[in-house]
Amino acid sequence: MPPLSTGRAGTCGALPFLIRRDGTWLYRGSPIRRKPMVCLFASTLRRDAQGGYRLQTPVEQGTIEVEDAPFVANHLEWHGCGRGQVLSFRTNVDQVICAGPDHPIRCAWDVPCEGCGTGPVPYLHVRDGDGALPIEARIARPVYYELAALAVEGNCRGVPCLGVWSQHVFFPLSTLPDET
C-alpha cells in the first residue's frame, strides 16, 4: 500500500457503527460495553457539511450512522442564579459542557407539538462540525425536566417564553402557557 503523503486520511467507506438515539454505540449490531472504547471512538467523531457523521483518525476515516444526536446530556449541575447562572452538562461519554455563547442549547420551543405529548426536544452544542452543523448532545428527558424547574419567563424574537440562563445567554425552552 502506498504511503499517504497527501496529509489526508484514507477513506474506508461505511463503517459498521450505529449510534442509537439513547446514546448506545453499536459495532456490527452489538453494543460496545467498554466505556473507554466508546470515549475513544467519540473523540474521533466528525460531522461533515451535509450533516453526515464519520470516525476520522490521522490515517483513515469512514462514515457511520447516527439515529439522532451522537451524544446524550444525562446529568446537569448548576451554580449561581439569574443571568450569571452556569449550567454544566455531563454527557454519556463523560464530557462536561457549560451552556453559553460557545455551547448553545437548541430547542424547537416555538413549534407546536400537537398530540405528541413529549414537548420539544432540546440539544446542546458539544463541538463544531466541519460545516455549519455542530455535533450535539440530545438533552435527556429527566435533565430537560430539571431545566424546566429552573426556567424563568423571558422573551425571544418578540415572543414571550420560558427558558434558562447560562453564562449571560438566555435559551428559550417553551412558549408560555395560554392564560385562557
N, C-alpha and C. Protein backbone atom coordinates (compact mmCIF):
# COMPACT_ATOMS: atom_id res chain seq x y z
N MET A 1 0.85 -1.17 0.00
CA MET A 1 0.00 0.00 0.00
C MET A 1 0.89 1.24 0.00
N PRO A 2 0.65 2.22 -0.88
CA PRO A 2 1.49 3.40 -0.92
C PRO A 2 1.26 4.28 0.30
N PRO A 3 2.30 4.99 0.72
CA PRO A 3 2.14 5.85 1.90
C PRO A 3 1.18 7.00 1.59
N LEU A 4 0.49 7.45 2.64
CA LEU A 4 -0.43 8.58 2.50
C LEU A 4 0.37 9.86 2.65
N SER A 5 0.80 10.43 1.54
CA SER A 5 1.64 11.62 1.60
C SER A 5 0.84 12.91 1.43
N THR A 6 -0.45 12.79 1.19
CA THR A 6 -1.26 13.99 0.97
C THR A 6 -1.66 14.67 2.27
N GLY A 7 -1.43 14.03 3.41
CA GLY A 7 -1.84 14.59 4.67
C GLY A 7 -3.32 14.37 4.96
N ARG A 8 -4.02 13.67 4.10
CA ARG A 8 -5.44 13.39 4.28
C ARG A 8 -5.63 11.93 4.64
N ALA A 9 -6.65 11.68 5.44
CA ALA A 9 -6.94 10.31 5.84
C ALA A 9 -7.53 9.53 4.67
N GLY A 10 -7.15 8.25 4.56
CA GLY A 10 -7.73 7.39 3.55
C GLY A 10 -9.17 7.07 3.89
N THR A 11 -10.02 6.91 2.88
CA THR A 11 -11.43 6.66 3.11
C THR A 11 -11.72 5.17 3.11
N CYS A 12 -12.44 4.73 4.14
CA CYS A 12 -12.81 3.32 4.28
C CYS A 12 -14.25 3.07 3.87
N GLY A 13 -14.99 4.11 3.52
CA GLY A 13 -16.41 3.95 3.20
C GLY A 13 -17.23 3.85 4.47
N ALA A 14 -18.33 3.12 4.40
CA ALA A 14 -19.22 2.97 5.55
C ALA A 14 -18.62 1.98 6.55
N LEU A 15 -18.57 2.38 7.80
CA LEU A 15 -18.11 1.52 8.88
C LEU A 15 -19.33 0.93 9.58
N PRO A 16 -19.20 -0.28 10.17
CA PRO A 16 -20.36 -0.94 10.77
C PRO A 16 -20.70 -0.43 12.18
N PHE A 17 -20.77 0.89 12.32
CA PHE A 17 -21.12 1.52 13.60
C PHE A 17 -22.50 2.16 13.49
N LEU A 18 -23.23 2.13 14.59
CA LEU A 18 -24.51 2.83 14.72
C LEU A 18 -24.55 3.44 16.11
N ILE A 19 -24.92 4.71 16.18
CA ILE A 19 -25.15 5.34 17.48
C ILE A 19 -26.66 5.51 17.61
N ARG A 20 -27.23 4.81 18.57
CA ARG A 20 -28.68 4.87 18.78
C ARG A 20 -29.09 6.20 19.40
N ARG A 21 -30.35 6.46 19.32
CA ARG A 21 -30.95 7.68 19.87
C ARG A 21 -30.65 7.82 21.37
N ASP A 22 -30.55 6.71 22.09
CA ASP A 22 -30.30 6.75 23.53
C ASP A 22 -28.81 6.85 23.87
N GLY A 23 -27.95 7.01 22.85
CA GLY A 23 -26.52 7.16 23.08
C GLY A 23 -25.73 5.87 23.07
N THR A 24 -26.39 4.73 22.86
CA THR A 24 -25.69 3.44 22.81
C THR A 24 -24.94 3.32 21.49
N TRP A 25 -23.67 2.98 21.58
CA TRP A 25 -22.84 2.75 20.39
C TRP A 25 -22.86 1.26 20.08
N LEU A 26 -23.15 0.94 18.82
CA LEU A 26 -23.15 -0.45 18.36
C LEU A 26 -22.06 -0.65 17.33
N TYR A 27 -21.43 -1.82 17.37
CA TYR A 27 -20.49 -2.23 16.34
C TYR A 27 -20.98 -3.56 15.81
N ARG A 28 -21.28 -3.60 14.53
CA ARG A 28 -21.84 -4.79 13.88
C ARG A 28 -23.08 -5.30 14.62
N GLY A 29 -23.90 -4.36 15.11
CA GLY A 29 -25.16 -4.71 15.77
C GLY A 29 -25.07 -5.01 17.25
N SER A 30 -23.86 -5.08 17.80
CA SER A 30 -23.69 -5.38 19.23
C SER A 30 -23.24 -4.14 19.98
N PRO A 31 -23.82 -3.92 21.17
CA PRO A 31 -23.41 -2.75 21.95
C PRO A 31 -21.94 -2.82 22.35
N ILE A 32 -21.28 -1.69 22.30
CA ILE A 32 -19.90 -1.59 22.81
C ILE A 32 -20.04 -1.31 24.30
N ARG A 33 -19.64 -2.27 25.11
CA ARG A 33 -19.87 -2.19 26.55
C ARG A 33 -18.72 -1.52 27.31
N ARG A 34 -17.56 -1.43 26.71
CA ARG A 34 -16.42 -0.82 27.39
C ARG A 34 -16.46 0.69 27.16
N LYS A 35 -16.78 1.43 28.21
CA LYS A 35 -16.92 2.88 28.09
C LYS A 35 -15.65 3.56 27.59
N PRO A 36 -14.45 3.15 28.03
CA PRO A 36 -13.25 3.78 27.48
C PRO A 36 -13.14 3.64 25.96
N MET A 37 -13.64 2.53 25.42
CA MET A 37 -13.62 2.33 23.98
C MET A 37 -14.60 3.29 23.30
N VAL A 38 -15.80 3.45 23.88
CA VAL A 38 -16.78 4.39 23.33
C VAL A 38 -16.20 5.80 23.37
N CYS A 39 -15.57 6.16 24.48
CA CYS A 39 -14.97 7.50 24.61
C CYS A 39 -13.87 7.71 23.57
N LEU A 40 -13.09 6.68 23.30
CA LEU A 40 -12.05 6.78 22.28
C LEU A 40 -12.66 7.02 20.90
N PHE A 41 -13.66 6.22 20.54
CA PHE A 41 -14.33 6.42 19.24
C PHE A 41 -14.98 7.81 19.19
N ALA A 42 -15.60 8.22 20.29
CA ALA A 42 -16.27 9.53 20.32
C ALA A 42 -15.29 10.67 20.07
N SER A 43 -14.06 10.50 20.50
CA SER A 43 -13.05 11.56 20.31
C SER A 43 -12.65 11.71 18.83
N THR A 44 -12.95 10.69 18.02
CA THR A 44 -12.61 10.77 16.60
C THR A 44 -13.81 11.12 15.72
N LEU A 45 -14.95 11.39 16.36
CA LEU A 45 -16.19 11.66 15.63
C LEU A 45 -16.14 13.04 14.99
N ARG A 46 -16.53 13.11 13.73
CA ARG A 46 -16.61 14.37 12.98
C ARG A 46 -17.98 14.43 12.30
N ARG A 47 -18.40 15.65 11.95
CA ARG A 47 -19.65 15.84 11.22
C ARG A 47 -19.35 16.68 9.99
N ASP A 48 -19.76 16.19 8.82
CA ASP A 48 -19.46 16.91 7.59
C ASP A 48 -20.47 18.03 7.33
N ALA A 49 -20.22 18.80 6.31
CA ALA A 49 -21.05 19.97 5.99
C ALA A 49 -22.48 19.58 5.63
N GLN A 50 -22.70 18.35 5.18
CA GLN A 50 -24.04 17.89 4.82
C GLN A 50 -24.78 17.28 6.01
N GLY A 51 -24.12 17.16 7.14
CA GLY A 51 -24.75 16.61 8.34
C GLY A 51 -24.42 15.16 8.62
N GLY A 52 -23.66 14.51 7.73
CA GLY A 52 -23.26 13.12 7.95
C GLY A 52 -22.16 13.01 8.99
N TYR A 53 -22.04 11.83 9.58
CA TYR A 53 -21.04 11.59 10.62
C TYR A 53 -19.99 10.62 10.14
N ARG A 54 -18.78 10.78 10.66
CA ARG A 54 -17.69 9.87 10.34
C ARG A 54 -16.75 9.76 11.53
N LEU A 55 -16.05 8.65 11.58
CA LEU A 55 -14.93 8.49 12.51
C LEU A 55 -13.68 8.77 11.70
N GLN A 56 -12.81 9.60 12.25
CA GLN A 56 -11.62 10.00 11.49
C GLN A 56 -10.40 9.99 12.39
N THR A 57 -9.41 9.23 11.96
CA THR A 57 -8.10 9.23 12.60
C THR A 57 -7.13 9.89 11.62
N PRO A 58 -5.89 10.12 12.02
CA PRO A 58 -4.94 10.69 11.06
C PRO A 58 -4.68 9.79 9.85
N VAL A 59 -4.99 8.49 9.97
CA VAL A 59 -4.67 7.54 8.91
C VAL A 59 -5.87 7.18 8.04
N GLU A 60 -7.06 7.07 8.65
CA GLU A 60 -8.23 6.66 7.88
C GLU A 60 -9.51 7.26 8.43
N GLN A 61 -10.56 7.19 7.60
CA GLN A 61 -11.86 7.68 8.02
C GLN A 61 -12.95 6.86 7.35
N GLY A 62 -14.11 6.81 8.02
CA GLY A 62 -15.25 6.10 7.45
C GLY A 62 -16.54 6.65 8.03
N THR A 63 -17.59 6.58 7.25
CA THR A 63 -18.88 7.11 7.68
C THR A 63 -19.55 6.14 8.66
N ILE A 64 -20.37 6.70 9.54
CA ILE A 64 -21.15 5.89 10.48
C ILE A 64 -22.58 6.42 10.50
N GLU A 65 -23.48 5.61 11.03
CA GLU A 65 -24.89 6.01 11.12
C GLU A 65 -25.20 6.49 12.53
N VAL A 66 -25.94 7.60 12.62
CA VAL A 66 -26.36 8.17 13.89
C VAL A 66 -27.86 8.38 13.81
N GLU A 67 -28.62 7.78 14.74
CA GLU A 67 -30.08 7.87 14.69
C GLU A 67 -30.60 9.28 14.98
N ASP A 68 -29.99 9.99 15.91
CA ASP A 68 -30.44 11.34 16.27
C ASP A 68 -29.22 12.20 16.49
N ALA A 69 -28.78 12.34 17.72
CA ALA A 69 -27.54 13.04 18.05
C ALA A 69 -26.57 11.99 18.58
N PRO A 70 -25.27 12.18 18.38
CA PRO A 70 -24.33 11.14 18.80
C PRO A 70 -24.12 11.05 20.31
N PHE A 71 -24.49 12.10 21.04
CA PHE A 71 -24.27 12.11 22.49
C PHE A 71 -25.58 12.40 23.20
N VAL A 72 -25.61 12.07 24.49
CA VAL A 72 -26.76 12.37 25.34
C VAL A 72 -26.25 13.11 26.56
N ALA A 73 -26.84 14.27 26.84
CA ALA A 73 -26.55 15.01 28.07
C ALA A 73 -27.44 14.42 29.15
N ASN A 74 -26.84 13.62 30.05
CA ASN A 74 -27.64 12.88 31.01
C ASN A 74 -27.50 13.34 32.45
N HIS A 75 -26.79 14.44 32.66
CA HIS A 75 -26.62 14.96 34.03
C HIS A 75 -26.48 16.48 33.96
N LEU A 76 -27.06 17.17 34.92
CA LEU A 76 -27.00 18.63 34.98
C LEU A 76 -26.58 19.08 36.36
N GLU A 77 -25.67 20.02 36.41
CA GLU A 77 -25.32 20.74 37.63
C GLU A 77 -25.37 22.21 37.31
N TRP A 78 -25.75 23.03 38.27
CA TRP A 78 -25.76 24.47 38.03
C TRP A 78 -25.31 25.18 39.27
N HIS A 79 -24.77 26.37 39.06
CA HIS A 79 -24.43 27.23 40.19
C HIS A 79 -24.71 28.67 39.78
N GLY A 80 -24.91 29.50 40.79
CA GLY A 80 -25.28 30.88 40.54
C GLY A 80 -26.76 31.00 40.28
N CYS A 81 -27.17 32.20 39.94
CA CYS A 81 -28.58 32.43 39.64
C CYS A 81 -28.70 33.60 38.68
N GLY A 82 -29.90 33.73 38.12
CA GLY A 82 -30.15 34.81 37.18
C GLY A 82 -29.31 34.67 35.93
N ARG A 83 -28.98 35.81 35.34
CA ARG A 83 -28.23 35.82 34.08
C ARG A 83 -26.84 35.19 34.21
N GLY A 84 -26.26 35.27 35.39
CA GLY A 84 -24.92 34.73 35.60
C GLY A 84 -24.88 33.25 35.94
N GLN A 85 -26.05 32.62 36.03
CA GLN A 85 -26.11 31.18 36.30
C GLN A 85 -25.28 30.42 35.27
N VAL A 86 -24.66 29.32 35.69
CA VAL A 86 -23.90 28.47 34.78
C VAL A 86 -24.49 27.07 34.85
N LEU A 87 -24.91 26.57 33.69
CA LEU A 87 -25.46 25.22 33.57
C LEU A 87 -24.38 24.31 32.99
N SER A 88 -24.00 23.28 33.73
CA SER A 88 -22.97 22.33 33.29
C SER A 88 -23.62 20.97 33.05
N PHE A 89 -23.42 20.45 31.86
CA PHE A 89 -23.98 19.16 31.48
C PHE A 89 -22.86 18.13 31.37
N ARG A 90 -23.16 16.89 31.77
CA ARG A 90 -22.24 15.77 31.56
C ARG A 90 -22.88 14.85 30.55
N THR A 91 -22.10 14.45 29.55
CA THR A 91 -22.63 13.57 28.50
C THR A 91 -22.37 12.11 28.84
N ASN A 92 -22.92 11.24 28.01
CA ASN A 92 -22.73 9.80 28.17
C ASN A 92 -21.29 9.37 27.94
N VAL A 93 -20.44 10.26 27.42
CA VAL A 93 -19.02 9.94 27.27
C VAL A 93 -18.18 10.78 28.25
N ASP A 94 -18.83 11.20 29.35
CA ASP A 94 -18.20 11.93 30.45
C ASP A 94 -17.56 13.26 30.06
N GLN A 95 -18.07 13.87 29.02
CA GLN A 95 -17.61 15.19 28.63
C GLN A 95 -18.49 16.21 29.36
N VAL A 96 -17.87 17.21 29.98
CA VAL A 96 -18.61 18.26 30.67
C VAL A 96 -18.62 19.50 29.79
N ILE A 97 -19.84 20.00 29.55
CA ILE A 97 -20.02 21.16 28.68
C ILE A 97 -20.87 22.18 29.42
N CYS A 98 -20.41 23.41 29.47
CA CYS A 98 -21.17 24.50 30.08
C CYS A 98 -21.91 25.25 28.98
N ALA A 99 -23.24 25.30 29.10
CA ALA A 99 -24.05 26.03 28.12
C ALA A 99 -23.67 27.50 28.18
N GLY A 100 -23.62 28.11 27.01
CA GLY A 100 -23.28 29.52 26.93
C GLY A 100 -23.11 29.93 25.48
N PRO A 101 -22.42 31.03 25.24
CA PRO A 101 -22.30 31.52 23.86
C PRO A 101 -21.60 30.53 22.91
N ASP A 102 -20.65 29.76 23.41
CA ASP A 102 -19.95 28.79 22.56
C ASP A 102 -20.63 27.43 22.51
N HIS A 103 -21.53 27.18 23.45
CA HIS A 103 -22.22 25.90 23.55
C HIS A 103 -23.71 26.15 23.82
N PRO A 104 -24.43 26.62 22.78
CA PRO A 104 -25.84 26.96 22.99
C PRO A 104 -26.73 25.73 23.14
N ILE A 105 -27.88 25.96 23.79
CA ILE A 105 -28.94 24.97 23.85
C ILE A 105 -29.90 25.30 22.71
N ARG A 106 -30.18 24.30 21.88
CA ARG A 106 -31.10 24.48 20.76
C ARG A 106 -32.37 23.69 21.05
N CYS A 107 -33.50 24.36 20.89
CA CYS A 107 -34.78 23.71 21.18
C CYS A 107 -35.83 24.30 20.25
N ALA A 108 -36.62 23.46 19.62
CA ALA A 108 -37.71 23.94 18.75
C ALA A 108 -38.88 24.35 19.65
N TRP A 109 -38.64 25.31 20.48
CA TRP A 109 -39.58 25.74 21.53
C TRP A 109 -40.83 26.40 20.97
N ASP A 110 -40.75 26.98 19.78
CA ASP A 110 -41.87 27.74 19.23
C ASP A 110 -42.65 26.98 18.17
N VAL A 111 -42.38 25.70 18.02
CA VAL A 111 -43.09 24.87 17.05
C VAL A 111 -44.15 24.06 17.80
N PRO A 112 -45.42 24.18 17.39
CA PRO A 112 -46.47 23.41 18.09
C PRO A 112 -46.21 21.92 17.98
N CYS A 113 -46.46 21.23 19.06
CA CYS A 113 -46.27 19.77 19.11
C CYS A 113 -47.61 19.13 19.40
N GLU A 114 -48.55 19.30 18.49
CA GLU A 114 -49.91 18.81 18.68
C GLU A 114 -49.93 17.29 18.85
N GLY A 115 -50.42 16.85 19.99
CA GLY A 115 -50.65 15.43 20.20
C GLY A 115 -49.42 14.57 20.41
N CYS A 116 -48.22 15.16 20.37
CA CYS A 116 -47.03 14.30 20.53
C CYS A 116 -46.81 13.96 22.00
N GLY A 117 -47.24 14.84 22.90
CA GLY A 117 -47.17 14.54 24.33
C GLY A 117 -45.79 14.62 24.94
N THR A 118 -44.77 14.86 24.17
CA THR A 118 -43.43 14.86 24.74
C THR A 118 -42.83 16.26 24.84
N GLY A 119 -43.35 17.21 24.13
CA GLY A 119 -42.78 18.55 24.14
C GLY A 119 -41.56 18.62 23.25
N PRO A 120 -40.96 19.80 23.20
CA PRO A 120 -39.80 19.98 22.32
C PRO A 120 -38.58 19.19 22.82
N VAL A 121 -37.74 18.81 21.89
CA VAL A 121 -36.51 18.08 22.23
C VAL A 121 -35.35 19.07 22.21
N PRO A 122 -34.68 19.25 23.34
CA PRO A 122 -33.54 20.17 23.38
C PRO A 122 -32.22 19.46 23.08
N TYR A 123 -31.30 20.22 22.50
CA TYR A 123 -29.96 19.72 22.17
C TYR A 123 -28.92 20.71 22.68
N LEU A 124 -27.75 20.21 23.00
CA LEU A 124 -26.64 21.02 23.46
C LEU A 124 -25.50 20.92 22.46
N HIS A 125 -24.97 22.07 22.06
CA HIS A 125 -23.83 22.12 21.14
C HIS A 125 -22.59 21.59 21.88
N VAL A 126 -22.03 20.49 21.40
CA VAL A 126 -20.84 19.90 22.02
C VAL A 126 -19.58 20.48 21.39
N ARG A 127 -19.51 20.40 20.06
CA ARG A 127 -18.37 20.99 19.35
C ARG A 127 -18.77 21.26 17.91
N ASP A 128 -17.99 22.07 17.24
CA ASP A 128 -18.28 22.42 15.86
C ASP A 128 -18.07 21.22 14.95
N GLY A 129 -18.86 21.19 13.88
CA GLY A 129 -18.64 20.23 12.81
C GLY A 129 -17.78 20.88 11.74
N ASP A 130 -17.64 20.22 10.60
CA ASP A 130 -16.82 20.75 9.51
C ASP A 130 -17.54 21.85 8.74
N GLY A 131 -18.87 21.93 8.88
CA GLY A 131 -19.67 22.96 8.22
C GLY A 131 -20.46 23.72 9.26
N ALA A 132 -21.65 24.15 8.87
CA ALA A 132 -22.49 24.93 9.77
C ALA A 132 -23.17 24.07 10.84
N LEU A 133 -23.25 22.76 10.63
CA LEU A 133 -23.95 21.88 11.56
C LEU A 133 -23.01 21.38 12.66
N PRO A 134 -23.36 21.61 13.93
CA PRO A 134 -22.49 21.18 15.02
C PRO A 134 -22.71 19.71 15.38
N ILE A 135 -21.82 19.19 16.19
CA ILE A 135 -22.00 17.90 16.83
C ILE A 135 -22.72 18.21 18.14
N GLU A 136 -23.86 17.54 18.39
CA GLU A 136 -24.70 17.88 19.52
C GLU A 136 -24.95 16.69 20.44
N ALA A 137 -25.41 17.03 21.64
CA ALA A 137 -25.90 16.03 22.59
C ALA A 137 -27.39 16.28 22.77
N ARG A 138 -28.15 15.23 22.67
CA ARG A 138 -29.58 15.32 22.98
C ARG A 138 -29.69 15.43 24.50
N ILE A 139 -30.48 16.39 24.97
CA ILE A 139 -30.65 16.54 26.42
C ILE A 139 -31.72 15.54 26.86
N ALA A 140 -31.31 14.62 27.74
CA ALA A 140 -32.20 13.55 28.20
C ALA A 140 -33.44 14.14 28.87
N ARG A 141 -34.56 13.45 28.77
CA ARG A 141 -35.82 13.95 29.30
C ARG A 141 -35.73 14.30 30.79
N PRO A 142 -35.11 13.49 31.67
CA PRO A 142 -35.02 13.90 33.08
C PRO A 142 -34.23 15.20 33.26
N VAL A 143 -33.21 15.41 32.45
CA VAL A 143 -32.43 16.64 32.52
C VAL A 143 -33.27 17.81 32.01
N TYR A 144 -34.07 17.57 30.98
CA TYR A 144 -34.98 18.60 30.48
C TYR A 144 -35.94 19.04 31.58
N TYR A 145 -36.44 18.09 32.36
CA TYR A 145 -37.33 18.44 33.47
C TYR A 145 -36.60 19.29 34.51
N GLU A 146 -35.33 18.99 34.75
CA GLU A 146 -34.55 19.84 35.66
C GLU A 146 -34.42 21.25 35.11
N LEU A 147 -34.19 21.36 33.80
CA LEU A 147 -34.14 22.69 33.17
C LEU A 147 -35.47 23.41 33.31
N ALA A 148 -36.57 22.67 33.12
CA ALA A 148 -37.90 23.28 33.25
C ALA A 148 -38.11 23.83 34.65
N ALA A 149 -37.58 23.14 35.66
CA ALA A 149 -37.70 23.63 37.04
C ALA A 149 -36.90 24.91 37.25
N LEU A 150 -35.87 25.13 36.46
CA LEU A 150 -35.05 26.34 36.57
C LEU A 150 -35.54 27.46 35.65
N ALA A 151 -36.52 27.16 34.81
CA ALA A 151 -36.95 28.11 33.77
C ALA A 151 -37.59 29.36 34.38
N VAL A 152 -37.35 30.45 33.68
CA VAL A 152 -37.91 31.75 34.04
C VAL A 152 -38.57 32.34 32.80
N GLU A 153 -39.44 33.31 33.03
CA GLU A 153 -40.07 33.98 31.90
C GLU A 153 -39.05 34.84 31.17
N GLY A 154 -39.18 34.86 29.87
CA GLY A 154 -38.29 35.67 29.04
C GLY A 154 -38.98 36.02 27.74
N ASN A 155 -38.17 36.47 26.81
CA ASN A 155 -38.69 36.89 25.52
C ASN A 155 -37.65 36.53 24.47
N CYS A 156 -38.09 35.90 23.39
CA CYS A 156 -37.19 35.55 22.30
C CYS A 156 -37.85 35.92 20.99
N ARG A 157 -37.19 36.74 20.19
CA ARG A 157 -37.72 37.20 18.90
C ARG A 157 -39.13 37.79 19.05
N GLY A 158 -39.34 38.49 20.17
CA GLY A 158 -40.62 39.14 20.41
C GLY A 158 -41.72 38.23 20.93
N VAL A 159 -41.39 36.98 21.25
CA VAL A 159 -42.38 36.02 21.73
C VAL A 159 -42.12 35.72 23.20
N PRO A 160 -43.13 35.88 24.07
CA PRO A 160 -42.94 35.50 25.47
C PRO A 160 -42.71 34.00 25.58
N CYS A 161 -41.76 33.60 26.42
CA CYS A 161 -41.43 32.18 26.53
C CYS A 161 -40.85 31.89 27.91
N LEU A 162 -40.63 30.62 28.15
CA LEU A 162 -39.91 30.15 29.33
C LEU A 162 -38.56 29.65 28.86
N GLY A 163 -37.53 29.94 29.64
CA GLY A 163 -36.20 29.49 29.26
C GLY A 163 -35.25 29.55 30.44
N VAL A 164 -34.00 29.27 30.16
CA VAL A 164 -32.98 29.26 31.21
C VAL A 164 -31.82 30.17 30.80
N TRP A 165 -31.16 30.69 31.80
CA TRP A 165 -29.96 31.50 31.58
C TRP A 165 -28.73 30.65 31.87
N SER A 166 -27.68 30.85 31.09
CA SER A 166 -26.38 30.27 31.39
C SER A 166 -25.32 31.16 30.76
N GLN A 167 -24.39 31.61 31.56
CA GLN A 167 -23.30 32.47 31.12
C GLN A 167 -23.83 33.69 30.35
N HIS A 168 -24.87 34.31 30.90
CA HIS A 168 -25.44 35.55 30.37
C HIS A 168 -26.12 35.38 29.01
N VAL A 169 -26.51 34.16 28.66
CA VAL A 169 -27.26 33.90 27.44
C VAL A 169 -28.57 33.23 27.84
N PHE A 170 -29.67 33.72 27.25
CA PHE A 170 -30.99 33.15 27.51
C PHE A 170 -31.31 32.11 26.45
N PHE A 171 -31.72 30.92 26.89
CA PHE A 171 -32.08 29.83 25.98
C PHE A 171 -33.55 29.48 26.16
N PRO A 172 -34.40 29.80 25.16
CA PRO A 172 -35.83 29.50 25.29
C PRO A 172 -36.08 27.99 25.21
N LEU A 173 -37.02 27.53 26.06
CA LEU A 173 -37.37 26.10 26.10
C LEU A 173 -38.80 25.84 25.65
N SER A 174 -39.71 26.79 25.90
CA SER A 174 -41.11 26.59 25.50
C SER A 174 -41.84 27.92 25.50
N THR A 175 -42.95 27.96 24.79
CA THR A 175 -43.78 29.14 24.84
C THR A 175 -44.47 29.18 26.20
N LEU A 176 -44.90 30.35 26.58
CA LEU A 176 -45.66 30.48 27.82
C LEU A 176 -47.02 29.84 27.64
N PRO A 177 -47.53 29.16 28.67
CA PRO A 177 -48.86 28.56 28.55
C PRO A 177 -49.92 29.63 28.36
N ASP A 178 -50.98 29.28 27.61
CA ASP A 178 -52.09 30.19 27.40
C ASP A 178 -52.78 30.50 28.72
N GLU A 179 -53.13 31.75 28.94
CA GLU A 179 -53.81 32.15 30.16
C GLU A 179 -55.32 31.90 30.09
N THR A 180 -55.82 31.48 28.93
CA THR A 180 -57.27 31.32 28.77
C THR A 180 -57.79 30.05 29.36
